[in-house]
Amino acid sequence: SGELTYEISTDSIISIETTLQHKIVITTTNDRYEINSSLSDIQHRLNNNFYRCHKSYIINIHNIKEVCTDKNNLYVIMKNNKKCLVSRRALKEVIDYVKCDY
């Protein structure tokens, strides 16, 4: 049907997020891929290096550069300087991942 198939190394994935158009955007160290899927479907295919930190984001915990814990703005900055939201519920676990990674 003209659809393309990509094989993406999990090590190269920075983040995976939903869009307002109900698509999934996979951001890697070199590219950006837009696919039709759901975060839940993708989450089941990933290894333990990934964490669903928000209803709209899955992040590669090894690519976290900084955690911002301002009470009104909870997010992580990834190594490519991409900002990803973090839910209040997930914040402690994200901080623990960052501490273990260093």
Protein backbone atom coordinates (compact mmCIF):
# COMPACT_ATOMS: atom_id res chain seq x y z
CA SER A 1 0.00 0.00 0.00
CA GLY A 2 3.01 2.29 -0.30
CA GLU A 3 3.81 2.33 3.42
CA LEU A 4 7.45 2.40 4.45
CA THR A 5 9.02 0.25 7.14
CA TYR A 6 11.89 1.57 9.24
CA GLU A 7 14.15 -0.34 11.57
CA ILE A 8 15.24 1.99 14.37
CA SER A 9 17.88 1.12 16.92
CA THR A 10 16.46 1.60 20.41
CA ASP A 11 19.76 3.17 21.51
CA SER A 12 19.23 6.02 19.05
CA ILE A 13 15.72 6.87 20.31
CA ILE A 14 15.55 10.04 22.39
CA SER A 15 11.78 10.23 22.93
CA ILE A 16 8.42 9.08 21.63
CA GLU A 17 5.38 11.34 21.86
CA THR A 18 1.81 11.74 20.69
CA THR A 19 0.67 14.65 18.53
CA LEU A 20 -2.62 16.50 18.42
CA GLN A 21 -3.35 14.65 15.16
CA HIS A 22 -3.22 11.31 17.05
CA LYS A 23 0.06 10.28 15.48
CA ILE A 24 3.27 9.15 17.14
CA VAL A 25 6.54 11.01 16.68
CA ILE A 26 9.75 9.08 17.33
CA THR A 27 12.73 11.39 17.79
CA THR A 28 16.14 9.80 17.34
CA THR A 29 19.64 11.20 17.48
CA ASN A 30 19.56 11.74 13.70
CA ASP A 31 15.94 11.75 12.52
CA ARG A 32 12.29 12.22 13.33
CA TYR A 33 9.69 9.62 12.31
CA GLU A 34 5.91 10.06 12.31
CA ILE A 35 3.81 6.90 12.45
CA ASN A 36 0.26 5.74 13.06
CA SER A 37 0.22 3.84 16.32
CA SER A 38 -0.40 4.38 20.02
CA LEU A 39 2.04 4.93 22.85
CA SER A 40 0.70 1.81 24.57
CA ASP A 41 1.45 -0.36 21.54
CA ILE A 42 4.97 1.01 21.25
CA GLN A 43 5.61 0.86 25.00
CA HIS A 44 5.13 -2.92 24.98
CA ARG A 45 7.87 -3.29 22.33
CA LEU A 46 10.53 -1.31 24.21
CA ASN A 47 13.14 -2.46 26.71
CA ASN A 48 13.77 -1.19 30.25
CA ASN A 49 15.70 1.85 29.00
CA PHE A 50 12.38 3.54 28.29
CA TYR A 51 9.95 5.09 30.73
CA ARG A 52 6.49 6.52 30.19
CA CYS A 53 6.92 9.76 32.10
CA HIS A 54 3.67 11.39 30.96
CA LYS A 55 0.49 10.36 29.17
CA SER A 56 1.99 11.84 25.99
CA TYR A 57 5.68 10.89 26.34
CA ILE A 58 7.98 7.91 26.54
CA ILE A 59 11.63 8.80 27.09
CA ASN A 60 14.92 6.97 26.82
CA ILE A 61 16.23 7.33 30.37
CA HIS A 62 19.84 7.19 29.17
CA ASN A 63 19.31 10.35 27.14
CA ILE A 64 18.11 12.60 29.97
CA LYS A 65 20.29 15.66 30.34
CA GLU A 66 18.42 17.53 33.09
CA VAL A 67 15.28 17.27 35.25
CA CYS A 68 13.37 20.49 35.92
CA THR A 69 11.22 20.34 39.02
CA ASP A 70 9.64 23.78 39.19
CA LYS A 71 6.24 23.20 40.87
CA ASN A 72 4.31 24.49 37.84
CA ASN A 73 6.56 23.03 35.14
CA LEU A 74 7.73 19.44 35.44
CA TYR A 75 9.82 18.30 32.51
CA VAL A 76 13.08 16.75 31.43
CA ILE A 77 15.54 18.12 28.94
CA MET A 78 16.94 15.40 26.76
CA LYS A 79 20.52 15.28 25.40
CA ASN A 80 19.32 16.80 22.12
CA ASN A 81 17.77 19.69 24.17
CA LYS A 82 14.22 18.47 23.54
CA LYS A 83 11.85 19.24 26.39
CA CYS A 84 9.49 16.41 27.47
CA LEU A 85 6.75 16.78 30.06
CA VAL A 86 6.80 14.67 33.22
CA SER A 87 3.72 13.93 35.31
CA ARG A 88 3.80 14.55 39.06
CA ARG A 89 3.27 10.83 39.60
CA ALA A 90 6.32 9.93 37.49
CA LEU A 91 8.68 12.65 38.74
CA LYS A 92 10.29 10.71 41.62
CA GLU A 93 10.99 7.71 39.42
CA VAL A 94 12.54 9.90 36.70
CA ILE A 95 14.80 11.55 39.28
CA ASP A 96 15.82 8.11 40.58
CA TYR A 97 16.68 6.98 37.02
CA VAL A 98 18.88 10.04 36.54
CA LYS A 99 20.68 9.46 39.85
CA CYS A 100 21.38 5.83 38.93
CA ASP A 101 22.64 6.77 35.48
CA TYR A 102 25.42 8.98 36.86
